[in-house]
Amino acid sequence: MLANFLSKTRPINYVFILTLLLLSFCIHTLPGYFVNFKWVNIITILANLAGLFFMVLLINFVIRKNLLTKDNSFALFLIVLFFLMFPKTMQWTNAFISNVFLLITLRRVYSLRNNTRITVKLFDAGFWLGIAFLFLNTTLIFWLILFFGMLVYGKQNIKNVLASIFGIATPVFLFYVYCLISEKLSLFNQLAIFNYSFDFTSLGTVTLILTTAVLIATVFWSAVNVTSGLQRVNQKHKATWYLMLLNLLIAIAVSIMQTEKNGSEFIFVFFPASVIIANYFQKEKDKWFKNFVIYLLFFTALSAFFL
């Protein structure tokens, strides 16, 4: 059964999952480059594919490095399914690039559970968040993750708060200097304009309604089930879990705010959703039901191509 296969992290698991990712890219994204084909598109295709693989492997690295799940392939598999469910997220957009830097930020935030170089980690997290902000300014809301990370891990003090703020300010200031020298201050001023939209009419297609409903239901079910069993785990694990739930809520908020709603905005939800659902899979003892949920997600992802 698929659940048993994904409960391990053997090389064959990575081959299977990354092959599925490659096929997803070839089916959903690759044809768009051949509408008005130019040879320069080959470079764009390779860059897009490399960025996609890098993001997936980066998510896997963040999860494994910070022990956000046990030693299994559930989260990695879920990430690829999410890309299948929302194929627009595979395209090279500002949201895509910004999410890469957010993942590096989150890697530093979740490492706060270890009592080493806390101030440096917070400056580093702020620095990468600042770069993410340059590509998509609504991601600045993710600073709340840094702040609550300090709170739940007991690292809150003025020095650490200022370190995270100065971290964000550093790339923003460097970008300001660049705009000043190149006489493009209007470009810098656009960072202060927070565009948002709550018009969801473009998400009214059958495919997006189905995939969104299945994702929301699965994440909600997983979050409730795992949270209800937290009494038996240590305090640091509880802190990490509650921080992950906050991560999910902020990611949803940022996704909702995006002006372009075509499914690509869901990319911010992929990381916390994969961790939350993976934790449910490794906790669930009923193998039949676990396989049912996995296959439900899998066939929902496939339906995104056929519907």
C-alpha atoms as a PDB file:
ATOM      1  CA  MET A   1       0.000   0.000   0.000  1.00  0.00           C
ATOM      2  CA  LEU A   2       1.110   3.577  -0.651  1.00  0.00           C
ATOM      3  CA  ALA A   3       1.094   4.528   3.046  1.00  0.00           C
ATOM      4  CA  ASN A   4       3.538   1.751   3.864  1.00  0.00           C
ATOM      5  CA  PHE A   5       5.797   2.752   0.953  1.00  0.00           C
ATOM      6  CA  LEU A   6       5.880   6.401   2.084  1.00  0.00           C
ATOM      7  CA  SER A   7       6.538   5.522   5.728  1.00  0.00           C
ATOM      8  CA  LYS A   8      10.223   5.060   4.829  1.00  0.00           C
ATOM      9  CA  THR A   9      12.897   7.300   3.290  1.00  0.00           C
ATOM     10  CA  ARG A  10      14.691   4.912   0.959  1.00  0.00           C
ATOM     11  CA  PRO A  11      16.342   6.154  -2.274  1.00  0.00           C
ATOM     12  CA  ILE A  12      13.518   4.583  -4.311  1.00  0.00           C
ATOM     13  CA  ASN A  13      11.076   6.914  -2.531  1.00  0.00           C
ATOM     14  CA  TYR A  14      12.989   9.976  -3.722  1.00  0.00           C
ATOM     15  CA  VAL A  15      13.218   8.592  -7.259  1.00  0.00           C
ATOM     16  CA  PHE A  16       9.467   7.934  -7.358  1.00  0.00           C
ATOM     17  CA  ILE A  17       8.461  11.314  -5.886  1.00  0.00           C
ATOM     18  CA  LEU A  18      10.871  13.422  -7.966  1.00  0.00           C
ATOM     19  CA  THR A  19       9.877  11.534 -11.126  1.00  0.00           C
ATOM     20  CA  LEU A  20       6.253  12.371 -10.331  1.00  0.00           C
ATOM     21  CA  LEU A  21       7.294  16.017  -9.971  1.00  0.00           C
ATOM     22  CA  LEU A  22       9.068  15.954 -13.341  1.00  0.00           C
ATOM     23  CA  LEU A  23       6.016  14.426 -15.027  1.00  0.00           C
ATOM     24  CA  SER A  24       3.802  17.058 -13.396  1.00  0.00           C
ATOM     25  CA  PHE A  25       5.992  19.824 -14.794  1.00  0.00           C
ATOM     26  CA  CYS A  26       6.030  18.265 -18.269  1.00  0.00           C
ATOM     27  CA  ILE A  27       2.242  17.865 -18.326  1.00  0.00           C
ATOM     28  CA  HIS A  28       1.135  21.159 -16.793  1.00  0.00           C
ATOM     29  CA  THR A  29       3.861  23.753 -17.324  1.00  0.00           C
ATOM     30  CA  LEU A  30       6.046  22.682 -20.241  1.00  0.00           C
ATOM     31  CA  PRO A  31       3.369  23.054 -22.986  1.00  0.00           C
ATOM     32  CA  GLY A  32       2.987  26.754 -22.174  1.00  0.00           C
ATOM     33  CA  TYR A  33       6.559  27.424 -23.283  1.00  0.00           C
ATOM     34  CA  PHE A  34       5.864  26.072 -26.779  1.00  0.00           C
ATOM     35  CA  VAL A  35       2.958  28.376 -27.635  1.00  0.00           C
ATOM     36  CA  ASN A  36       5.348  30.962 -29.101  1.00  0.00           C
ATOM     37  CA  PHE A  37       8.518  28.930 -28.992  1.00  0.00           C
ATOM     38  CA  LYS A  38      11.948  30.531 -29.131  1.00  0.00           C
ATOM     39  CA  TRP A  39      15.233  28.789 -28.480  1.00  0.00           C
ATOM     40  CA  VAL A  40      15.834  31.065 -25.514  1.00  0.00           C
ATOM     41  CA  ASN A  41      12.825  29.346 -23.925  1.00  0.00           C
ATOM     42  CA  ILE A  42      15.018  26.297 -23.359  1.00  0.00           C
ATOM     43  CA  ILE A  43      17.033  28.263 -20.794  1.00  0.00           C
ATOM     44  CA  THR A  44      13.819  29.481 -19.157  1.00  0.00           C
ATOM     45  CA  ILE A  45      12.426  25.937 -19.018  1.00  0.00           C
ATOM     46  CA  LEU A  46      15.586  24.574 -17.399  1.00  0.00           C
ATOM     47  CA  ALA A  47      15.682  27.461 -14.908  1.00  0.00           C
ATOM     48  CA  ASN A  48      12.009  26.934 -14.028  1.00  0.00           C
ATOM     49  CA  LEU A  49      12.509  23.193 -13.576  1.00  0.00           C
ATOM     50  CA  ALA A  50      15.678  23.688 -11.515  1.00  0.00           C
ATOM     51  CA  GLY A  51      13.857  26.202  -9.308  1.00  0.00           C
ATOM     52  CA  LEU A  52      10.983  23.762  -8.818  1.00  0.00           C
ATOM     53  CA  PHE A  53      13.270  20.898  -7.798  1.00  0.00           C
ATOM     54  CA  PHE A  54      15.247  23.246  -5.552  1.00  0.00           C
ATOM     55  CA  MET A  55      12.096  24.379  -3.740  1.00  0.00           C
ATOM     56  CA  VAL A  56      10.867  20.824  -3.152  1.00  0.00           C
ATOM     57  CA  LEU A  57      14.256  19.672  -1.871  1.00  0.00           C
ATOM     58  CA  LEU A  58      14.562  22.822   0.250  1.00  0.00           C
ATOM     59  CA  ILE A  59      11.220  22.074   1.905  1.00  0.00           C
ATOM     60  CA  ASN A  60      12.400  18.533   2.568  1.00  0.00           C
ATOM     61  CA  PHE A  61      15.667  19.891   4.029  1.00  0.00           C
ATOM     62  CA  VAL A  62      13.847  22.325   6.344  1.00  0.00           C
ATOM     63  CA  ILE A  63      11.549  19.549   7.568  1.00  0.00           C
ATOM     64  CA  ARG A  64      14.305  17.015   8.194  1.00  0.00           C
ATOM     65  CA  LYS A  65      16.805  19.512   9.650  1.00  0.00           C
ATOM     66  CA  ASN A  66      14.290  20.732  12.228  1.00  0.00           C
ATOM     67  CA  LEU A  67      12.696  17.309  12.878  1.00  0.00           C
ATOM     68  CA  LEU A  68       9.242  18.586  11.930  1.00  0.00           C
ATOM     69  CA  THR A  69       8.176  15.045  10.996  1.00  0.00           C
ATOM     70  CA  LYS A  70       9.544  11.600  11.692  1.00  0.00           C
ATOM     71  CA  ASP A  71      11.797   9.755   9.247  1.00  0.00           C
ATOM     72  CA  ASN A  72       9.336   9.230   6.382  1.00  0.00           C
ATOM     73  CA  SER A  73       8.458  10.528   2.894  1.00  0.00           C
ATOM     74  CA  PHE A  74       4.919  11.735   3.575  1.00  0.00           C
ATOM     75  CA  ALA A  75       5.673  15.476   3.504  1.00  0.00           C
ATOM     76  CA  LEU A  76       7.804  15.287   0.350  1.00  0.00           C
ATOM     77  CA  PHE A  77       5.091  13.308  -1.443  1.00  0.00           C
ATOM     78  CA  LEU A  78       2.421  15.771  -0.311  1.00  0.00           C
ATOM     79  CA  ILE A  79       4.389  18.738  -1.647  1.00  0.00           C
ATOM     80  CA  VAL A  80       4.487  17.165  -5.111  1.00  0.00           C
ATOM     81  CA  LEU A  81       0.756  16.391  -4.924  1.00  0.00           C
ATOM     82  CA  PHE A  82       0.062  20.022  -4.045  1.00  0.00           C
ATOM     83  CA  PHE A  83       1.972  21.158  -7.126  1.00  0.00           C
ATOM     84  CA  LEU A  84      -0.189  18.771  -9.153  1.00  0.00           C
ATOM     85  CA  MET A  85      -3.376  20.059  -7.520  1.00  0.00           C
ATOM     86  CA  PHE A  86      -2.423  23.689  -8.184  1.00  0.00           C
ATOM     87  CA  PRO A  87      -0.248  23.563 -11.329  1.00  0.00           C
ATOM     88  CA  LYS A  88       0.000  27.363 -11.607  1.00  0.00           C
ATOM     89  CA  THR A  89       2.314  27.234  -8.581  1.00  0.00           C
ATOM     90  CA  MET A  90       4.980  25.570 -10.736  1.00  0.00           C
ATOM     91  CA  GLN A  91       5.418  28.706 -12.816  1.00  0.00           C
ATOM     92  CA  TRP A  92       8.251  31.155 -12.171  1.00  0.00           C
ATOM     93  CA  THR A  93       6.459  34.095 -10.497  1.00  0.00           C
ATOM     94  CA  ASN A  94       7.271  36.615  -7.761  1.00  0.00           C
ATOM     95  CA  ALA A  95       5.266  34.454  -5.353  1.00  0.00           C
ATOM     96  CA  PHE A  96       7.383  31.424  -6.312  1.00  0.00           C
ATOM     97  CA  ILE A  97      10.679  33.270  -5.772  1.00  0.00           C
ATOM     98  CA  SER A  98       9.464  34.927  -2.574  1.00  0.00           C
ATOM     99  CA  ASN A  99       8.429  31.550  -1.189  1.00  0.00           C
ATOM    100  CA  VAL A 100      11.956  30.188  -1.664  1.00  0.00           C
ATOM    101  CA  PHE A 101      13.350  32.922   0.592  1.00  0.00           C
ATOM    102  CA  LEU A 102      10.502  32.412   3.060  1.00  0.00           C
ATOM    103  CA  LEU A 103      11.485  28.756   3.386  1.00  0.00           C
ATOM    104  CA  ILE A 104      15.040  29.766   4.290  1.00  0.00           C
ATOM    105  CA  THR A 105      13.540  32.188   6.830  1.00  0.00           C
ATOM    106  CA  LEU A 106      11.392  29.440   8.345  1.00  0.00           C
ATOM    107  CA  ARG A 107      14.354  27.099   8.513  1.00  0.00           C
ATOM    108  CA  ARG A 108      16.037  29.580  10.887  1.00  0.00           C
ATOM    109  CA  VAL A 109      12.846  30.200  12.883  1.00  0.00           C
ATOM    110  CA  TYR A 110      12.215  26.532  13.659  1.00  0.00           C
ATOM    111  CA  SER A 111      15.873  26.081  14.644  1.00  0.00           C
ATOM    112  CA  LEU A 112      15.293  28.486  17.570  1.00  0.00           C
ATOM    113  CA  ARG A 113      14.330  25.426  19.622  1.00  0.00           C
ATOM    114  CA  ASN A 114      18.096  24.795  19.895  1.00  0.00           C
ATOM    115  CA  ASN A 115      19.799  27.155  22.350  1.00  0.00           C
ATOM    116  CA  THR A 116      22.629  28.255  20.064  1.00  0.00           C
ATOM    117  CA  ARG A 117      23.332  31.589  18.323  1.00  0.00           C
ATOM    118  CA  ILE A 118      19.765  32.813  18.793  1.00  0.00           C
ATOM    119  CA  THR A 119      20.434  36.455  17.906  1.00  0.00           C
ATOM    120  CA  VAL A 120      22.353  35.473  14.764  1.00  0.00           C
ATOM    121  CA  LYS A 121      19.535  33.145  13.697  1.00  0.00           C
ATOM    122  CA  LEU A 122      16.943  35.889  14.112  1.00  0.00           C
ATOM    123  CA  PHE A 123      19.009  38.389  12.134  1.00  0.00           C
ATOM    124  CA  ASP A 124      19.505  35.743   9.450  1.00  0.00           C
ATOM    125  CA  ALA A 125      15.776  34.929   9.397  1.00  0.00           C
ATOM    126  CA  GLY A 126      14.958  38.624   9.129  1.00  0.00           C
ATOM    127  CA  PHE A 127      17.486  39.077   6.320  1.00  0.00           C
ATOM    128  CA  TRP A 128      15.916  36.359   4.163  1.00  0.00           C
ATOM    129  CA  LEU A 129      12.440  37.642   4.985  1.00  0.00           C
ATOM    130  CA  GLY A 130      13.587  41.067   3.807  1.00  0.00           C
ATOM    131  CA  ILE A 131      14.576  39.584   0.445  1.00  0.00           C
ATOM    132  CA  ALA A 132      11.203  37.793   0.210  1.00  0.00           C
ATOM    133  CA  PHE A 133       9.561  41.165   0.928  1.00  0.00           C
ATOM    134  CA  LEU A 134      11.378  42.734  -2.042  1.00  0.00           C
ATOM    135  CA  PHE A 135       9.721  40.228  -4.379  1.00  0.00           C
ATOM    136  CA  LEU A 136       6.278  40.287  -2.726  1.00  0.00           C
ATOM    137  CA  ASN A 137       5.670  42.897  -0.047  1.00  0.00           C
ATOM    138  CA  THR A 138       2.672  41.155   1.571  1.00  0.00           C
ATOM    139  CA  THR A 139       5.072  38.475   2.861  1.00  0.00           C
ATOM    140  CA  LEU A 140       6.178  40.988   5.508  1.00  0.00           C
ATOM    141  CA  ILE A 141       3.327  39.553   7.610  1.00  0.00           C
ATOM    142  CA  PHE A 142       5.555  36.523   8.148  1.00  0.00           C
ATOM    143  CA  TRP A 143       7.530  38.604  10.661  1.00  0.00           C
ATOM    144  CA  LEU A 144       4.855  37.428  13.112  1.00  0.00           C
ATOM    145  CA  ILE A 145       6.384  33.957  12.796  1.00  0.00           C
ATOM    146  CA  LEU A 146       9.718  35.345  13.979  1.00  0.00           C
ATOM    147  CA  PHE A 147       8.084  37.177  16.877  1.00  0.00           C
ATOM    148  CA  PHE A 148       5.976  34.242  18.055  1.00  0.00           C
ATOM    149  CA  GLY A 149       8.958  31.942  17.524  1.00  0.00           C
ATOM    150  CA  MET A 150      10.771  33.992  20.157  1.00  0.00           C
ATOM    151  CA  LEU A 151       7.757  33.713  22.466  1.00  0.00           C
ATOM    152  CA  VAL A 152       7.067  29.979  22.223  1.00  0.00           C
ATOM    153  CA  TYR A 153      10.751  29.057  22.575  1.00  0.00           C
ATOM    154  CA  GLY A 154      11.346  31.584  25.380  1.00  0.00           C
ATOM    155  CA  LYS A 155      13.851  33.711  23.441  1.00  0.00           C
ATOM    156  CA  GLN A 156      12.036  37.041  23.650  1.00  0.00           C
ATOM    157  CA  ASN A 157      14.123  40.083  24.560  1.00  0.00           C
ATOM    158  CA  ILE A 158      14.808  43.488  23.031  1.00  0.00           C
ATOM    159  CA  LYS A 159      18.095  42.377  21.473  1.00  0.00           C
ATOM    160  CA  ASN A 160      16.484  39.496  19.599  1.00  0.00           C
ATOM    161  CA  VAL A 161      13.515  41.572  18.420  1.00  0.00           C
ATOM    162  CA  LEU A 162      15.850  44.275  17.118  1.00  0.00           C
ATOM    163  CA  ALA A 163      18.043  41.646  15.439  1.00  0.00           C
ATOM    164  CA  SER A 164      15.078  40.401  13.401  1.00  0.00           C
ATOM    165  CA  ILE A 165      14.059  43.962  12.464  1.00  0.00           C
ATOM    166  CA  PHE A 166      17.592  44.964  11.449  1.00  0.00           C
ATOM    167  CA  GLY A 167      17.789  41.739   9.458  1.00  0.00           C
ATOM    168  CA  ILE A 168      14.738  42.740   7.416  1.00  0.00           C
ATOM    169  CA  ALA A 169      15.984  46.312   7.046  1.00  0.00           C
ATOM    170  CA  THR A 170      19.387  45.294   5.640  1.00  0.00           C
ATOM    171  CA  PRO A 171      18.340  44.013   2.157  1.00  0.00           C
ATOM    172  CA  VAL A 172      15.633  46.694   1.971  1.00  0.00           C
ATOM    173  CA  PHE A 173      18.232  49.408   2.617  1.00  0.00           C
ATOM    174  CA  LEU A 174      20.606  47.903   0.046  1.00  0.00           C
ATOM    175  CA  PHE A 175      17.772  47.885  -2.485  1.00  0.00           C
ATOM    176  CA  TYR A 176      17.083  51.548  -1.640  1.00  0.00           C
ATOM    177  CA  VAL A 177      20.743  52.418  -2.276  1.00  0.00           C
ATOM    178  CA  TYR A 178      20.584  50.605  -5.620  1.00  0.00           C
ATOM    179  CA  CYS A 179      17.410  52.479  -6.627  1.00  0.00           C
ATOM    180  CA  LEU A 180      18.932  55.779  -5.517  1.00  0.00           C
ATOM    181  CA  ILE A 181      22.115  55.273  -7.539  1.00  0.00           C
ATOM    182  CA  SER A 182      20.251  54.037 -10.621  1.00  0.00           C
ATOM    183  CA  GLU A 183      17.603  56.781 -10.261  1.00  0.00           C
ATOM    184  CA  LYS A 184      14.758  54.286  -9.891  1.00  0.00           C
ATOM    185  CA  LEU A 185      13.265  55.445  -6.597  1.00  0.00           C
ATOM    186  CA  SER A 186       9.769  54.901  -7.990  1.00  0.00           C
ATOM    187  CA  LEU A 187      10.586  51.186  -7.983  1.00  0.00           C
ATOM    188  CA  PHE A 188      11.504  51.346  -4.292  1.00  0.00           C
ATOM    189  CA  ASN A 189       8.401  53.386  -3.461  1.00  0.00           C
ATOM    190  CA  GLN A 190       6.216  50.579  -4.829  1.00  0.00           C
ATOM    191  CA  LEU A 191       7.228  48.468  -1.822  1.00  0.00           C
ATOM    192  CA  ALA A 192       5.099  50.729   0.369  1.00  0.00           C
ATOM    193  CA  ILE A 193       2.006  50.036  -1.747  1.00  0.00           C
ATOM    194  CA  PHE A 194       0.289  46.922  -0.396  1.00  0.00           C
ATOM    195  CA  ASN A 195      -2.073  45.726  -3.080  1.00  0.00           C
ATOM    196  CA  TYR A 196      -4.642  43.143  -2.050  1.00  0.00           C
ATOM    197  CA  SER A 197      -7.904  41.734  -3.308  1.00  0.00           C
ATOM    198  CA  PHE A 198     -10.743  39.706  -1.819  1.00  0.00           C
ATOM    199  CA  ASP A 199     -12.355  38.974  -5.164  1.00  0.00           C
ATOM    200  CA  PHE A 200     -12.499  35.175  -5.505  1.00  0.00           C
ATOM    201  CA  THR A 201     -14.577  34.935  -8.689  1.00  0.00           C
ATOM    202  CA  SER A 202     -11.566  33.714 -10.687  1.00  0.00           C
ATOM    203  CA  LEU A 203     -11.336  30.687  -8.370  1.00  0.00           C
ATOM    204  CA  GLY A 204     -14.817  29.530  -9.352  1.00  0.00           C
ATOM    205  CA  THR A 205     -13.700  26.753 -11.703  1.00  0.00           C
ATOM    206  CA  VAL A 206     -14.663  23.158 -10.915  1.00  0.00           C
ATOM    207  CA  THR A 207     -11.012  22.117 -10.624  1.00  0.00           C
ATOM    208  CA  LEU A 208     -10.007  24.834  -8.155  1.00  0.00           C
ATOM    209  CA  ILE A 209     -13.152  24.369  -6.064  1.00  0.00           C
ATOM    210  CA  LEU A 210     -12.517  20.615  -5.813  1.00  0.00           C
ATOM    211  CA  THR A 211      -8.790  20.805  -5.061  1.00  0.00           C
ATOM    212  CA  THR A 212      -9.197  23.649  -2.567  1.00  0.00           C
ATOM    213  CA  ALA A 213     -12.027  21.878  -0.737  1.00  0.00           C
ATOM    214  CA  VAL A 214     -10.068  18.617  -0.444  1.00  0.00           C
ATOM    215  CA  LEU A 215      -6.939  20.436   0.756  1.00  0.00           C
ATOM    216  CA  ILE A 216      -8.813  22.486   3.367  1.00  0.00           C
ATOM    217  CA  ALA A 217     -10.725  19.452   4.657  1.00  0.00           C
ATOM    218  CA  THR A 218      -7.576  17.316   4.924  1.00  0.00           C
ATOM    219  CA  VAL A 219      -5.534  20.019   6.669  1.00  0.00           C
ATOM    220  CA  PHE A 220      -8.352  20.788   9.115  1.00  0.00           C
ATOM    221  CA  TRP A 221      -8.911  17.105   9.927  1.00  0.00           C
ATOM    222  CA  SER A 222      -5.169  16.553  10.404  1.00  0.00           C
ATOM    223  CA  ALA A 223      -4.675  19.650  12.577  1.00  0.00           C
ATOM    224  CA  VAL A 224      -7.556  18.743  14.903  1.00  0.00           C
ATOM    225  CA  ASN A 225      -6.467  15.111  15.271  1.00  0.00           C
ATOM    226  CA  VAL A 226      -2.807  15.859  15.967  1.00  0.00           C
ATOM    227  CA  THR A 227      -3.552  18.773  18.311  1.00  0.00           C
ATOM    228  CA  SER A 228      -5.910  16.604  20.376  1.00  0.00           C
ATOM    229  CA  GLY A 229      -3.054  14.200  21.150  1.00  0.00           C
ATOM    230  CA  LEU A 230      -0.427  16.746  22.213  1.00  0.00           C
ATOM    231  CA  GLN A 231      -0.769  15.971  25.923  1.00  0.00           C
ATOM    232  CA  ARG A 232       1.760  13.154  25.601  1.00  0.00           C
ATOM    233  CA  VAL A 233       4.586  15.140  23.961  1.00  0.00           C
ATOM    234  CA  ASN A 234       7.250  17.417  25.444  1.00  0.00           C
ATOM    235  CA  GLN A 235       6.994  21.195  25.690  1.00  0.00           C
ATOM    236  CA  LYS A 236       9.360  21.956  22.795  1.00  0.00           C
ATOM    237  CA  HIS A 237       7.378  19.728  20.452  1.00  0.00           C
ATOM    238  CA  LYS A 238       4.160  21.465  21.513  1.00  0.00           C
ATOM    239  CA  ALA A 239       5.752  24.866  20.894  1.00  0.00           C
ATOM    240  CA  THR A 240       6.855  23.805  17.408  1.00  0.00           C
ATOM    241  CA  TRP A 241       3.410  22.441  16.600  1.00  0.00           C
ATOM    242  CA  TYR A 242       1.588  25.607  17.669  1.00  0.00           C
ATOM    243  CA  LEU A 243       4.088  27.666  15.687  1.00  0.00           C
ATOM    244  CA  MET A 244       3.344  25.480  12.653  1.00  0.00           C
ATOM    245  CA  LEU A 245      -0.388  26.143  13.048  1.00  0.00           C
ATOM    246  CA  LEU A 246       0.334  29.873  13.165  1.00  0.00           C
ATOM    247  CA  ASN A 247       2.526  29.433  10.091  1.00  0.00           C
ATOM    248  CA  LEU A 248      -0.454  27.888   8.299  1.00  0.00           C
ATOM    249  CA  LEU A 249      -2.811  30.719   9.288  1.00  0.00           C
ATOM    250  CA  ILE A 250      -0.370  33.407   8.131  1.00  0.00           C
ATOM    251  CA  ALA A 251       0.258  31.528   4.874  1.00  0.00           C
ATOM    252  CA  ILE A 252      -3.499  31.375   4.261  1.00  0.00           C
ATOM    253  CA  ALA A 253      -3.810  35.107   4.995  1.00  0.00           C
ATOM    254  CA  VAL A 254      -1.025  35.975   2.540  1.00  0.00           C
ATOM    255  CA  SER A 255      -2.588  33.711  -0.097  1.00  0.00           C
ATOM    256  CA  ILE A 256      -6.005  35.307   0.330  1.00  0.00           C
ATOM    257  CA  MET A 257      -4.553  38.812  -0.038  1.00  0.00           C
ATOM    258  CA  GLN A 258      -2.934  38.203  -3.435  1.00  0.00           C
ATOM    259  CA  THR A 259      -4.440  40.224  -6.275  1.00  0.00           C
ATOM    260  CA  GLU A 260      -3.863  37.512  -8.889  1.00  0.00           C
ATOM    261  CA  LYS A 261      -6.003  34.550  -7.897  1.00  0.00           C
ATOM    262  CA  ASN A 262      -5.450  31.618 -10.248  1.00  0.00           C
ATOM    263  CA  GLY A 263      -4.183  28.982  -7.821  1.00  0.00           C
ATOM    264  CA  SER A 264      -0.556  30.174  -7.806  1.00  0.00           C
ATOM    265  CA  GLU A 265      -1.120  31.972  -4.486  1.00  0.00           C
ATOM    266  CA  PHE A 266      -1.547  28.625  -2.691  1.00  0.00           C
ATOM    267  CA  ILE A 267       2.207  28.058  -2.844  1.00  0.00           C
ATOM    268  CA  PHE A 268       2.650  29.685   0.577  1.00  0.00           C
ATOM    269  CA  VAL A 269       0.382  27.059   2.150  1.00  0.00           C
ATOM    270  CA  PHE A 270       2.305  24.047   0.825  1.00  0.00           C
ATOM    271  CA  PHE A 271       4.998  23.900   3.524  1.00  0.00           C
ATOM    272  CA  PRO A 272       2.838  24.081   6.680  1.00  0.00           C
ATOM    273  CA  ALA A 273       0.079  21.959   5.113  1.00  0.00           C
ATOM    274  CA  SER A 274       2.513  19.175   4.181  1.00  0.00           C
ATOM    275  CA  VAL A 275       3.988  19.099   7.704  1.00  0.00           C
ATOM    276  CA  ILE A 276       0.581  19.086   9.398  1.00  0.00           C
ATOM    277  CA  ILE A 277      -0.859  16.317   7.205  1.00  0.00           C
ATOM    278  CA  ALA A 278       2.372  14.274   7.423  1.00  0.00           C
ATOM    279  CA  ASN A 279       2.181  14.412  11.223  1.00  0.00           C
ATOM    280  CA  TYR A 280      -1.362  13.091  11.026  1.00  0.00           C
ATOM    281  CA  PHE A 281      -0.325  10.231   8.734  1.00  0.00           C
ATOM    282  CA  GLN A 282       2.461   9.127  11.068  1.00  0.00           C
ATOM    283  CA  LYS A 283       0.054   9.286  14.043  1.00  0.00           C
ATOM    284  CA  GLU A 284      -2.933   7.536  12.416  1.00  0.00           C
ATOM    285  CA  LYS A 285      -3.048   3.811  13.317  1.00  0.00           C
ATOM    286  CA  ASP A 286      -5.888   2.868  10.978  1.00  0.00           C
ATOM    287  CA  LYS A 287      -3.958   1.878   7.837  1.00  0.00           C
ATOM    288  CA  TRP A 288      -7.099   1.571   5.726  1.00  0.00           C
ATOM    289  CA  PHE A 289      -8.248   5.115   6.483  1.00  0.00           C
ATOM    290  CA  LYS A 290      -4.729   6.492   6.093  1.00  0.00           C
ATOM    291  CA  ASN A 291      -4.474   4.959   2.631  1.00  0.00           C
ATOM    292  CA  PHE A 292      -7.928   6.272   1.788  1.00  0.00           C
ATOM    293  CA  VAL A 293      -6.842   9.872   2.555  1.00  0.00           C
ATOM    294  CA  ILE A 294      -3.582   9.468   0.607  1.00  0.00           C
ATOM    295  CA  TYR A 295      -5.379   8.088  -2.451  1.00  0.00           C
ATOM    296  CA  LEU A 296      -8.039  10.796  -2.146  1.00  0.00           C
ATOM    297  CA  LEU A 297      -5.317  13.449  -2.361  1.00  0.00           C
ATOM    298  CA  PHE A 298      -3.559  11.587  -5.169  1.00  0.00           C
ATOM    299  CA  PHE A 299      -6.642  11.226  -7.378  1.00  0.00           C
ATOM    300  CA  THR A 300      -7.714  14.791  -6.614  1.00  0.00           C
ATOM    301  CA  ALA A 301      -4.301  15.896  -7.883  1.00  0.00           C
ATOM    302  CA  LEU A 302      -4.763  13.826 -11.053  1.00  0.00           C
ATOM    303  CA  SER A 303      -8.217  15.315 -11.579  1.00  0.00           C
ATOM    304  CA  ALA A 304      -6.623  18.767 -11.890  1.00  0.00           C
ATOM    305  CA  PHE A 305      -5.300  17.645 -15.282  1.00  0.00           C
ATOM    306  CA  PHE A 306      -8.447  15.974 -16.611  1.00  0.00           C
ATOM    307  CA  LEU A 307     -11.161  18.383 -15.413  1.00  0.00           C
END
